[in-house]
Protein backbone atom coordinates (compact mmCIF):
# COMPACT_ATOMS: atom_id res chain seq x y z
CA MET A 1 49.67 -328.16 110.73
CA THR A 2 50.48 -326.59 107.37
CA GLU A 3 47.78 -324.94 105.34
CA PRO A 4 46.39 -327.20 102.60
CA LEU A 5 47.45 -326.39 99.05
CA LEU A 6 43.89 -327.21 97.95
CA SER A 7 40.73 -326.94 100.04
CA VAL A 8 37.38 -328.00 98.56
CA LYS A 9 34.32 -327.38 100.73
CA GLY A 10 30.72 -328.32 100.09
CA VAL A 11 31.01 -328.36 96.30
CA VAL A 12 27.85 -329.06 94.32
CA ALA A 13 28.18 -329.56 90.55
CA GLY A 14 26.61 -331.40 87.65
CA TYR A 15 25.26 -331.30 84.13
CA GLY A 16 21.94 -329.61 83.41
CA GLN A 17 19.42 -330.84 85.96
CA VAL A 18 21.62 -333.77 87.03
CA LEU A 19 23.80 -333.24 90.09
CA ALA A 20 26.82 -335.56 90.05
CA VAL A 21 28.55 -333.97 93.05
CA ARG A 22 26.46 -333.16 96.12
CA GLY A 23 28.46 -331.34 98.76
CA ALA A 24 31.92 -332.89 98.35
CA SER A 25 34.81 -331.72 100.51
CA LEU A 26 38.50 -332.59 100.64
CA GLU A 27 41.93 -331.15 101.42
CA VAL A 28 45.27 -331.73 99.73
CA GLN A 29 48.44 -331.01 101.70
CA PRO A 30 51.53 -329.61 99.95
CA GLY A 31 53.85 -332.31 98.65
CA SER A 32 51.33 -335.12 99.19
CA ILE A 33 49.62 -337.73 97.08
CA THR A 34 45.89 -337.62 97.81
CA ALA A 35 43.61 -340.31 96.38
CA LEU A 36 39.96 -339.93 95.42
CA LEU A 37 38.16 -343.28 95.40
CA GLY A 38 34.70 -344.27 94.27
CA SER A 39 32.89 -346.59 91.92
CA ASN A 40 31.95 -345.60 88.37
CA GLY A 41 29.35 -342.84 88.55
CA ALA A 42 30.37 -341.74 92.06
CA GLY A 43 31.24 -338.25 90.82
CA LYS A 44 35.05 -338.38 90.74
CA THR A 45 35.51 -337.01 87.22
CA THR A 46 32.87 -334.31 87.75
CA LEU A 47 34.60 -333.21 90.95
CA PHE A 48 37.98 -333.12 89.17
CA ARG A 49 36.54 -331.05 86.33
CA THR A 50 34.96 -328.68 88.82
CA ILE A 51 38.23 -328.25 90.72
CA ALA A 52 40.03 -327.57 87.43
CA GLY A 53 37.41 -325.04 86.30
CA LEU A 54 36.02 -327.04 83.38
CA ILE A 55 32.65 -327.12 85.16
CA ARG A 56 31.33 -324.29 87.33
CA ALA A 57 30.57 -325.14 90.96
CA ARG A 58 26.94 -324.36 91.82
CA GLU A 59 27.65 -324.23 95.53
CA GLY A 60 30.68 -324.46 97.78
CA SER A 61 34.23 -323.15 97.50
CA ILE A 62 37.58 -324.09 95.95
CA VAL A 63 40.63 -322.47 97.53
CA PHE A 64 44.04 -323.11 95.97
CA ASP A 65 47.37 -321.85 97.26
CA GLY A 66 45.59 -319.37 99.50
CA SER A 67 43.34 -317.88 96.79
CA ASP A 68 39.64 -318.49 96.12
CA MET A 69 39.40 -320.13 92.69
CA THR A 70 35.70 -320.97 92.77
CA THR A 71 34.68 -318.64 89.94
CA LEU A 72 37.94 -318.45 87.98
CA GLU A 73 38.19 -319.81 84.44
CA CYS A 74 40.23 -322.94 83.75
CA TYR A 75 43.16 -321.10 82.11
CA SER A 76 43.48 -318.81 85.12
CA ARG A 77 43.85 -321.85 87.37
CA VAL A 78 46.54 -323.25 85.07
CA GLU A 79 48.40 -319.94 85.26
CA ARG A 80 48.38 -320.28 89.04
CA GLY A 81 49.72 -323.83 88.94
CA MET A 82 46.67 -326.14 88.92
CA VAL A 83 46.86 -328.59 86.00
CA ILE A 84 44.59 -331.51 85.10
CA VAL A 85 45.50 -334.59 83.07
CA PRO A 86 41.96 -335.54 82.06
CA GLU A 87 40.37 -338.92 81.63
CA GLY A 88 40.49 -339.71 77.91
CA ARG A 89 43.79 -337.80 77.44
CA MET A 90 42.34 -335.10 75.11
CA LEU A 91 45.41 -334.97 72.86
CA PHE A 92 45.71 -333.33 69.44
CA PRO A 93 45.94 -336.47 67.28
CA ARG A 94 47.16 -334.75 64.08
CA MET A 95 49.92 -332.87 65.87
CA SER A 96 53.32 -334.36 66.71
CA VAL A 97 54.29 -335.58 70.15
CA GLU A 98 56.61 -332.59 70.49
CA ASP A 99 53.91 -330.09 69.49
CA ASN A 100 51.45 -331.66 71.94
CA LEU A 101 54.01 -331.22 74.68
CA ARG A 102 54.64 -327.64 73.59
CA MET A 103 50.92 -326.92 74.00
CA GLY A 104 51.35 -327.66 77.70
CA SER A 105 53.79 -324.80 78.16
CA PHE A 106 51.57 -321.97 76.93
CA VAL A 107 51.49 -320.14 80.29
CA PRO A 108 54.27 -317.50 80.63
CA HIS A 109 56.19 -319.07 83.52
CA ALA A 110 56.28 -322.43 81.70
CA ARG A 111 57.33 -320.95 78.32
CA ARG A 112 60.44 -319.49 79.92
CA THR A 113 61.67 -322.95 80.93
CA SER A 114 60.17 -325.09 78.16
CA ALA A 115 63.55 -326.44 76.97
CA GLU A 116 64.33 -327.65 80.48
CA MET A 117 60.88 -329.22 80.81
CA PHE A 118 61.21 -331.05 77.47
CA GLU A 119 64.33 -332.74 78.82
CA ARG A 120 62.59 -333.60 82.07
CA VAL A 121 59.59 -335.17 80.28
CA TYR A 122 61.87 -337.11 77.94
CA ASP A 123 63.85 -338.33 80.95
CA LEU A 124 60.64 -339.59 82.58
CA PHE A 125 59.31 -341.08 79.33
CA PRO A 126 62.17 -342.01 76.97
CA ARG A 127 59.65 -343.52 74.57
CA LEU A 128 58.21 -340.07 73.89
CA LYS A 129 61.63 -338.81 72.85
CA GLU A 130 61.93 -341.69 70.40
CA ARG A 131 58.53 -340.77 68.92
CA ARG A 132 58.70 -336.99 69.22
CA ARG A 133 58.10 -336.46 65.45
CA GLN A 134 55.15 -338.87 65.24
CA PHE A 135 51.53 -337.74 65.21
CA ALA A 136 49.98 -338.29 68.63
CA GLY A 137 47.13 -340.23 67.03
CA THR A 138 49.53 -342.94 65.85
CA LEU A 139 50.77 -343.75 69.37
CA SER A 140 49.58 -346.73 71.39
CA GLY A 141 47.16 -346.11 74.27
CA GLY A 142 49.95 -346.33 76.81
CA GLU A 143 52.15 -343.91 74.87
CA GLN A 144 49.25 -341.48 74.58
CA GLN A 145 48.80 -341.57 78.35
CA MET A 146 52.51 -340.85 78.79
CA LEU A 147 52.08 -337.91 76.42
CA ALA A 148 49.05 -336.58 78.30
CA LEU A 149 50.97 -336.75 81.58
CA GLY A 150 54.03 -335.17 79.98
CA ARG A 151 51.92 -332.33 78.56
CA GLY A 152 50.57 -331.65 82.04
CA LEU A 153 54.09 -331.49 83.46
CA MET A 154 55.14 -329.01 80.77
CA ALA A 155 52.93 -326.43 82.52
CA ARG A 156 55.14 -326.71 85.65
CA PRO A 157 52.21 -327.44 87.99
CA LYS A 158 52.10 -326.91 91.72
CA LEU A 159 49.16 -329.35 91.82
CA LEU A 160 48.67 -332.13 89.28
CA LEU A 161 45.19 -333.65 88.97
CA LEU A 162 45.35 -337.16 87.50
CA ASP A 163 41.95 -338.48 86.43
CA GLU A 164 42.08 -342.27 85.83
CA PRO A 165 45.64 -342.24 84.44
CA THR A 166 45.84 -346.04 83.95
CA LEU A 167 42.31 -346.69 82.67
CA GLY A 168 42.42 -349.39 79.98
CA LEU A 169 46.20 -349.73 80.05
CA SER A 170 48.26 -352.91 80.23
CA PRO A 171 49.82 -353.98 83.55
CA LEU A 172 53.28 -353.02 82.26
CA ILE A 173 52.27 -349.48 81.27
CA THR A 174 50.31 -349.14 84.53
CA GLN A 175 53.50 -349.99 86.41
CA ILE A 176 55.42 -347.35 84.44
CA ILE A 177 52.79 -344.68 85.16
CA PHE A 178 52.77 -345.39 88.89
CA LYS A 179 56.57 -345.42 88.97
CA VAL A 180 56.54 -341.91 87.48
CA VAL A 181 53.84 -340.78 89.94
CA ARG A 182 55.97 -341.94 92.87
CA ARG A 183 59.03 -340.23 91.42
CA LEU A 184 57.17 -336.94 91.01
CA HIS A 185 55.97 -337.24 94.60
CA GLU A 186 59.53 -337.82 95.81
CA GLU A 187 60.56 -334.68 93.94
CA GLY A 188 57.95 -332.69 95.87
CA LEU A 189 55.06 -332.37 93.40
CA THR A 190 51.58 -332.36 94.93
CA ILE A 191 49.23 -334.87 93.29
CA LEU A 192 45.49 -335.52 93.50
CA ILE A 193 44.63 -338.80 91.78
CA ALA A 194 41.39 -340.62 90.94
CA GLU A 195 42.17 -344.17 89.95
CA GLN A 196 40.49 -347.58 89.61
CA ASP A 197 43.59 -349.46 90.78
CA VAL A 198 42.71 -348.94 94.43
CA ARG A 199 45.39 -351.13 95.99
CA ARG A 200 48.26 -349.56 94.07
CA THR A 201 46.88 -346.05 94.58
CA LEU A 202 46.42 -346.36 98.34
CA SER A 203 49.83 -347.97 98.66
CA CYS A 204 51.46 -344.71 97.53
CA ALA A 205 48.87 -342.20 98.82
CA ASP A 206 49.37 -340.11 101.94
CA ARG A 207 45.62 -339.65 102.31
CA GLY A 208 42.45 -340.75 100.59
CA TYR A 209 38.78 -339.79 100.29
CA VAL A 210 35.88 -341.99 99.23
CA LEU A 211 32.94 -340.65 97.21
CA GLU A 212 29.55 -342.34 96.94
CA ASN A 213 26.76 -340.77 94.89
CA GLY A 214 28.63 -337.49 94.76
CA ARG A 215 29.11 -337.24 98.54
CA TYR A 216 32.18 -337.70 100.70
CA VAL A 217 31.61 -340.72 102.96
CA MET A 218 35.03 -341.73 104.29
CA GLU A 219 38.61 -340.51 104.61
CA GLY A 220 41.88 -341.67 106.11
CA THR A 221 45.52 -342.26 105.42
CA GLY A 222 46.36 -344.57 102.56
CA GLY A 223 47.24 -347.32 105.02
CA GLU A 224 44.05 -346.87 107.03
CA LEU A 225 41.83 -347.10 103.97
CA LEU A 226 43.77 -350.07 102.60
CA ALA A 227 43.14 -351.91 105.87
CA ASN A 228 39.48 -350.86 106.14
CA PRO A 229 37.11 -353.86 105.73
CA LYS A 230 34.57 -351.77 103.81
CA ILE A 231 37.22 -350.70 101.28
CA ASN A 232 38.45 -354.27 100.97
CA GLN A 233 34.95 -355.57 100.35
CA ALA A 234 33.82 -352.82 97.96
CA TYR A 235 36.96 -352.31 95.87
CA LEU A 236 39.37 -355.18 96.46
CA GLY A 237 37.02 -358.15 96.39
CA MET A 238 38.04 -359.33 99.86
């Protein structure tokens, strides 16, 4: 079996005295879509932020592409190919669409191919090309999510972390986002996704993990989890 691109073992993390993640572990294989499931407050966003280096792990290890990243700063992880598209988008509202995208290519290897990546992002999201001179803050919620995803791709990631990419979006925009996720997967990009649309996520995921109260409680292939009665009852209302 190939070595995982990302290996998270026994990670403990939180805010102040509150621990939101209590010993979480997961692996992400190269070229796969891996889903992280859990109800609100289960610790998904905290785990994503810890993997990305936005929060420091108090215990455990994070190994990416063969290197221990546990204590590295966020920008160092981006330089090595780990990129997060955060919940809430975190755009620069008074900068243009194009300038927001350009901010994604600040690492040296991405700057060298930024022109190529602009074309790729505009191919994936033609609406962004139409609005490239607009301030990001004037875009609709769906367009802002496209921009956040496009900015992440500008960094030429090896691993893309998608934290709730369709939260609050219309069914049409949700469909567009998942279509792009599947296309990126087909092109070989490795994706770790936390998402409330459990059925759609597991339908395209190679593997999934379930968090409850900051702890890993279940794992399986996307198909196995989709057919699991506990998943159906807890997340699909069946």
